[in-house]
Amino acid sequence: MAQAKTDAFPAELVALAGAARALAHPGRLQLLLTIAARSSCVCGDLVESMPLAQSTVSQHLKELKEAGLIRGEIDGPRTCYCLDPETLESVRQGFARLFAGLECCGPKDGDGS
């Protein structure tokens, strides 16, 4: 089996690719939006807000947590989730730098071409 050669790439790109992998599902994006819309950490009601099974929501939360995009704090028999603002800001800045360096389509001239 082939192994990924991530050590051949800058650490920032490897981290950004990990975040992109975690963000590459609409369910995970919806979970981020739902958590962001709440002023406090969110627990079990995340499952009720999603059109997915509890086990699927749990797996998506695990992916987001492993990517560092959210934090999970154990509160008795449940886990409460909130955004990790430092990681989200780092990812936002990383994508901004990445896309600022791409000029695949040339300057926009406003004529629709």
N, C-alpha and C. Protein backbone atom coordinates (compact mmCIF):
# COMPACT_ATOMS: atom_id res chain seq x y z
N MET A 1 0.84 -1.18 0.00
CA MET A 1 0.00 0.00 0.00
C MET A 1 0.90 1.25 0.00
N ALA A 2 0.56 2.19 -0.83
CA ALA A 2 1.33 3.43 -0.90
C ALA A 2 1.06 4.29 0.33
N GLN A 3 2.09 5.01 0.75
CA GLN A 3 1.94 5.90 1.88
C GLN A 3 1.98 7.34 1.38
N ALA A 4 1.24 8.20 2.06
CA ALA A 4 1.26 9.62 1.74
C ALA A 4 2.62 10.18 2.12
N LYS A 5 3.16 11.00 1.26
CA LYS A 5 4.47 11.59 1.53
C LYS A 5 4.29 13.05 1.93
N THR A 6 3.56 13.25 3.01
CA THR A 6 3.28 14.60 3.44
C THR A 6 4.51 15.32 3.95
N ASP A 7 5.56 14.57 4.35
CA ASP A 7 6.76 15.23 4.85
C ASP A 7 7.51 15.96 3.74
N ALA A 8 7.12 15.75 2.48
CA ALA A 8 7.75 16.43 1.36
C ALA A 8 7.13 17.81 1.11
N PHE A 9 6.11 18.16 1.90
CA PHE A 9 5.40 19.42 1.70
C PHE A 9 5.53 20.31 2.93
N PRO A 10 5.38 21.62 2.74
CA PRO A 10 5.43 22.53 3.90
C PRO A 10 4.36 22.17 4.93
N ALA A 11 4.72 22.30 6.20
CA ALA A 11 3.81 21.96 7.30
C ALA A 11 2.49 22.71 7.19
N GLU A 12 2.52 23.97 6.75
CA GLU A 12 1.29 24.74 6.63
C GLU A 12 0.33 24.10 5.62
N LEU A 13 0.87 23.60 4.50
CA LEU A 13 0.01 22.96 3.51
C LEU A 13 -0.54 21.63 4.01
N VAL A 14 0.27 20.90 4.76
CA VAL A 14 -0.19 19.63 5.33
C VAL A 14 -1.33 19.89 6.31
N ALA A 15 -1.17 20.90 7.17
CA ALA A 15 -2.22 21.25 8.13
C ALA A 15 -3.48 21.72 7.41
N LEU A 16 -3.32 22.52 6.38
CA LEU A 16 -4.45 23.04 5.63
C LEU A 16 -5.19 21.90 4.91
N ALA A 17 -4.44 20.94 4.39
CA ALA A 17 -5.07 19.78 3.74
C ALA A 17 -5.86 18.96 4.76
N GLY A 18 -5.35 18.84 5.98
CA GLY A 18 -6.08 18.13 7.02
C GLY A 18 -7.38 18.82 7.36
N ALA A 19 -7.35 20.14 7.44
CA ALA A 19 -8.57 20.89 7.71
C ALA A 19 -9.54 20.75 6.54
N ALA A 20 -9.02 20.81 5.32
CA ALA A 20 -9.89 20.68 4.15
C ALA A 20 -10.56 19.30 4.13
N ARG A 21 -9.83 18.28 4.51
CA ARG A 21 -10.39 16.92 4.57
C ARG A 21 -11.53 16.88 5.57
N ALA A 22 -11.33 17.52 6.71
CA ALA A 22 -12.37 17.53 7.75
C ALA A 22 -13.59 18.34 7.31
N LEU A 23 -13.37 19.34 6.48
CA LEU A 23 -14.47 20.20 6.02
C LEU A 23 -15.16 19.67 4.77
N ALA A 24 -14.69 18.56 4.24
CA ALA A 24 -15.15 18.08 2.94
C ALA A 24 -16.43 17.25 3.00
N HIS A 25 -17.30 17.56 3.92
CA HIS A 25 -18.61 16.88 3.98
C HIS A 25 -19.65 17.91 4.41
N PRO A 26 -20.78 17.98 3.73
CA PRO A 26 -21.79 18.98 4.09
C PRO A 26 -22.32 18.80 5.52
N GLY A 27 -22.34 17.57 6.01
CA GLY A 27 -22.78 17.35 7.39
C GLY A 27 -21.84 18.01 8.40
N ARG A 28 -20.54 17.93 8.14
CA ARG A 28 -19.58 18.56 9.05
C ARG A 28 -19.66 20.08 8.96
N LEU A 29 -19.87 20.59 7.75
CA LEU A 29 -20.05 22.04 7.61
C LEU A 29 -21.30 22.50 8.37
N GLN A 30 -22.38 21.72 8.27
CA GLN A 30 -23.61 22.07 8.99
C GLN A 30 -23.38 22.03 10.50
N LEU A 31 -22.63 21.03 10.96
CA LEU A 31 -22.33 20.96 12.39
C LEU A 31 -21.56 22.19 12.84
N LEU A 32 -20.57 22.63 12.05
CA LEU A 32 -19.83 23.85 12.40
C LEU A 32 -20.76 25.05 12.47
N LEU A 33 -21.65 25.18 11.50
CA LEU A 33 -22.59 26.30 11.49
C LEU A 33 -23.52 26.25 12.70
N THR A 34 -23.98 25.06 13.03
CA THR A 34 -24.89 24.91 14.18
C THR A 34 -24.18 25.25 15.48
N ILE A 35 -22.97 24.77 15.64
CA ILE A 35 -22.20 25.08 16.85
C ILE A 35 -21.90 26.57 16.92
N ALA A 36 -21.56 27.18 15.78
CA ALA A 36 -21.24 28.60 15.76
C ALA A 36 -22.45 29.47 16.10
N ALA A 37 -23.64 29.00 15.74
CA ALA A 37 -24.86 29.78 15.98
C ALA A 37 -25.25 29.81 17.45
N ARG A 38 -24.71 28.92 18.25
CA ARG A 38 -25.03 28.87 19.68
C ARG A 38 -24.03 29.71 20.44
N SER A 39 -24.46 30.33 21.50
CA SER A 39 -23.56 31.17 22.29
C SER A 39 -22.77 30.36 23.31
N SER A 40 -23.15 29.11 23.50
CA SER A 40 -22.44 28.26 24.46
C SER A 40 -22.16 26.91 23.81
N CYS A 41 -21.49 26.06 24.53
CA CYS A 41 -21.21 24.73 24.01
C CYS A 41 -22.50 23.96 23.78
N VAL A 42 -22.47 23.09 22.80
CA VAL A 42 -23.64 22.34 22.37
C VAL A 42 -23.44 20.86 22.70
N CYS A 43 -24.47 20.24 23.24
CA CYS A 43 -24.37 18.82 23.58
C CYS A 43 -25.29 17.99 22.69
N GLY A 44 -26.12 17.18 23.27
CA GLY A 44 -26.94 16.21 22.56
C GLY A 44 -27.89 16.78 21.53
N ASP A 45 -28.25 18.05 21.64
CA ASP A 45 -29.21 18.59 20.69
C ASP A 45 -28.64 18.73 19.29
N LEU A 46 -27.36 18.47 19.11
CA LEU A 46 -26.80 18.48 17.77
C LEU A 46 -27.43 17.38 16.91
N VAL A 47 -27.68 16.24 17.50
CA VAL A 47 -28.26 15.12 16.76
C VAL A 47 -29.65 15.50 16.26
N GLU A 48 -30.44 16.17 17.11
CA GLU A 48 -31.79 16.56 16.71
C GLU A 48 -31.79 17.59 15.58
N SER A 49 -30.71 18.34 15.44
CA SER A 49 -30.66 19.38 14.42
C SER A 49 -30.17 18.85 13.07
N MET A 50 -29.80 17.57 13.02
CA MET A 50 -29.22 17.01 11.80
C MET A 50 -30.11 15.90 11.23
N PRO A 51 -30.13 15.76 9.90
CA PRO A 51 -30.89 14.68 9.28
C PRO A 51 -30.07 13.39 9.18
N LEU A 52 -29.29 13.12 10.23
CA LEU A 52 -28.39 11.98 10.25
C LEU A 52 -28.57 11.19 11.53
N ALA A 53 -28.17 9.94 11.50
CA ALA A 53 -28.23 9.09 12.69
C ALA A 53 -27.23 9.59 13.74
N GLN A 54 -27.52 9.28 14.99
CA GLN A 54 -26.65 9.70 16.09
C GLN A 54 -25.22 9.22 15.89
N SER A 55 -25.05 7.98 15.43
CA SER A 55 -23.70 7.45 15.23
C SER A 55 -22.96 8.20 14.13
N THR A 56 -23.67 8.63 13.10
CA THR A 56 -23.06 9.39 12.01
C THR A 56 -22.65 10.77 12.49
N VAL A 57 -23.52 11.42 13.26
CA VAL A 57 -23.19 12.74 13.82
C VAL A 57 -21.97 12.61 14.72
N SER A 58 -21.92 11.57 15.53
CA SER A 58 -20.77 11.36 16.42
C SER A 58 -19.48 11.20 15.62
N GLN A 59 -19.55 10.48 14.51
CA GLN A 59 -18.36 10.29 13.67
C GLN A 59 -17.91 11.61 13.06
N HIS A 60 -18.86 12.42 12.60
CA HIS A 60 -18.52 13.72 12.04
C HIS A 60 -17.91 14.63 13.11
N LEU A 61 -18.46 14.60 14.31
CA LEU A 61 -17.89 15.39 15.41
C LEU A 61 -16.47 14.94 15.73
N LYS A 62 -16.24 13.65 15.67
CA LYS A 62 -14.90 13.11 15.91
C LYS A 62 -13.92 13.65 14.87
N GLU A 63 -14.32 13.66 13.61
CA GLU A 63 -13.46 14.18 12.54
C GLU A 63 -13.13 15.66 12.75
N LEU A 64 -14.15 16.45 13.11
CA LEU A 64 -13.93 17.88 13.36
C LEU A 64 -13.01 18.10 14.56
N LYS A 65 -13.18 17.28 15.58
CA LYS A 65 -12.36 17.40 16.78
C LYS A 65 -10.92 17.00 16.49
N GLU A 66 -10.72 15.90 15.75
CA GLU A 66 -9.37 15.48 15.41
C GLU A 66 -8.64 16.51 14.57
N ALA A 67 -9.38 17.26 13.75
CA ALA A 67 -8.79 18.32 12.94
C ALA A 67 -8.55 19.59 13.76
N GLY A 68 -9.03 19.60 15.00
CA GLY A 68 -8.83 20.76 15.86
C GLY A 68 -9.81 21.88 15.63
N LEU A 69 -10.82 21.66 14.81
CA LEU A 69 -11.78 22.72 14.50
C LEU A 69 -12.79 22.95 15.62
N ILE A 70 -13.04 21.91 16.40
CA ILE A 70 -13.92 22.03 17.57
C ILE A 70 -13.23 21.41 18.77
N ARG A 71 -13.75 21.75 19.93
CA ARG A 71 -13.30 21.15 21.19
C ARG A 71 -14.47 20.39 21.77
N GLY A 72 -14.17 19.32 22.44
CA GLY A 72 -15.20 18.54 23.12
C GLY A 72 -14.84 18.40 24.58
N GLU A 73 -15.74 18.83 25.44
CA GLU A 73 -15.52 18.74 26.88
C GLU A 73 -16.55 17.81 27.49
N ILE A 74 -16.07 16.86 28.26
CA ILE A 74 -16.97 15.90 28.89
C ILE A 74 -17.68 16.57 30.05
N ASP A 75 -19.00 16.44 30.05
CA ASP A 75 -19.85 17.01 31.10
C ASP A 75 -20.79 15.90 31.57
N GLY A 76 -20.31 15.12 32.54
CA GLY A 76 -21.10 13.97 33.00
C GLY A 76 -21.16 12.92 31.92
N PRO A 77 -22.37 12.45 31.59
CA PRO A 77 -22.51 11.40 30.58
C PRO A 77 -22.49 11.92 29.14
N ARG A 78 -22.32 13.21 28.95
CA ARG A 78 -22.35 13.76 27.59
C ARG A 78 -21.11 14.58 27.32
N THR A 79 -20.92 14.90 26.06
CA THR A 79 -19.80 15.75 25.65
C THR A 79 -20.38 17.03 25.06
N CYS A 80 -19.85 18.16 25.49
CA CYS A 80 -20.28 19.46 24.97
C CYS A 80 -19.23 19.95 23.97
N TYR A 81 -19.70 20.49 22.85
CA TYR A 81 -18.80 20.92 21.79
C TYR A 81 -18.88 22.42 21.58
N CYS A 82 -17.72 23.01 21.29
CA CYS A 82 -17.66 24.42 20.91
C CYS A 82 -16.55 24.58 19.87
N LEU A 83 -16.59 25.67 19.15
CA LEU A 83 -15.58 25.95 18.13
C LEU A 83 -14.23 26.21 18.78
N ASP A 84 -13.16 25.93 18.06
CA ASP A 84 -11.82 26.31 18.48
C ASP A 84 -11.44 27.53 17.65
N PRO A 85 -11.58 28.73 18.22
CA PRO A 85 -11.38 29.94 17.42
C PRO A 85 -9.97 30.09 16.87
N GLU A 86 -8.96 29.64 17.59
CA GLU A 86 -7.58 29.78 17.11
C GLU A 86 -7.36 28.93 15.85
N THR A 87 -7.83 27.69 15.89
CA THR A 87 -7.66 26.82 14.73
C THR A 87 -8.47 27.34 13.55
N LEU A 88 -9.70 27.75 13.79
CA LEU A 88 -10.53 28.26 12.70
C LEU A 88 -9.90 29.49 12.06
N GLU A 89 -9.34 30.37 12.85
CA GLU A 89 -8.68 31.56 12.31
C GLU A 89 -7.44 31.18 11.52
N SER A 90 -6.69 30.22 12.00
CA SER A 90 -5.51 29.75 11.29
C SER A 90 -5.88 29.14 9.94
N VAL A 91 -6.96 28.36 9.91
CA VAL A 91 -7.43 27.77 8.67
C VAL A 91 -7.92 28.86 7.72
N ARG A 92 -8.67 29.81 8.25
CA ARG A 92 -9.16 30.92 7.41
C ARG A 92 -8.01 31.67 6.77
N GLN A 93 -7.00 32.00 7.56
CA GLN A 93 -5.84 32.72 7.04
C GLN A 93 -5.05 31.87 6.05
N GLY A 94 -4.94 30.58 6.33
CA GLY A 94 -4.23 29.69 5.43
C GLY A 94 -4.88 29.61 4.06
N PHE A 95 -6.21 29.49 4.05
CA PHE A 95 -6.92 29.46 2.77
C PHE A 95 -6.84 30.82 2.07
N ALA A 96 -6.89 31.90 2.83
CA ALA A 96 -6.78 33.23 2.23
C ALA A 96 -5.43 33.38 1.55
N ARG A 97 -4.34 32.94 2.21
CA ARG A 97 -3.01 33.01 1.60
C ARG A 97 -2.92 32.11 0.37
N LEU A 98 -3.48 30.92 0.47
CA LEU A 98 -3.45 29.99 -0.65
C LEU A 98 -4.15 30.58 -1.86
N PHE A 99 -5.38 31.05 -1.67
CA PHE A 99 -6.15 31.55 -2.80
C PHE A 99 -5.66 32.90 -3.29
N ALA A 100 -5.01 33.68 -2.43
CA ALA A 100 -4.45 34.95 -2.88
C ALA A 100 -3.32 34.72 -3.87
N GLY A 101 -2.66 33.56 -3.76
CA GLY A 101 -1.55 33.26 -4.67
C GLY A 101 -1.98 32.61 -5.97
N LEU A 102 -3.25 32.32 -6.12
CA LEU A 102 -3.74 31.67 -7.34
C LEU A 102 -4.32 32.71 -8.29
N GLU A 103 -3.82 32.73 -9.49
CA GLU A 103 -4.35 33.65 -10.50
C GLU A 103 -4.68 32.86 -11.75
N CYS A 104 -5.47 31.82 -11.59
CA CYS A 104 -5.75 30.91 -12.70
C CYS A 104 -6.63 31.52 -13.78
N CYS A 105 -7.41 32.48 -13.44
CA CYS A 105 -8.38 33.01 -14.40
C CYS A 105 -8.06 34.43 -14.84
N GLY A 106 -6.98 34.98 -14.39
CA GLY A 106 -6.64 36.33 -14.75
C GLY A 106 -7.50 37.35 -14.04
N PRO A 107 -7.23 38.60 -14.27
CA PRO A 107 -8.02 39.65 -13.62
C PRO A 107 -9.44 39.70 -14.15
N LYS A 108 -10.34 40.04 -13.27
CA LYS A 108 -11.75 40.19 -13.67
C LYS A 108 -11.90 41.54 -14.36
N ASP A 109 -12.50 41.50 -15.51
CA ASP A 109 -12.67 42.76 -16.26
C ASP A 109 -14.10 43.24 -16.30
N GLY A 110 -15.00 42.46 -15.68
CA GLY A 110 -16.39 42.91 -15.58
C GLY A 110 -17.23 42.67 -16.81
N ASP A 111 -16.65 42.07 -17.89
CA ASP A 111 -17.46 41.88 -19.08
C ASP A 111 -18.01 40.45 -19.18
N GLY A 112 -17.84 39.67 -18.12
CA GLY A 112 -18.41 38.33 -18.09
C GLY A 112 -17.60 37.28 -18.81
N SER A 113 -16.44 37.65 -19.34
CA SER A 113 -15.62 36.66 -20.04
C SER A 113 -14.50 36.15 -19.17
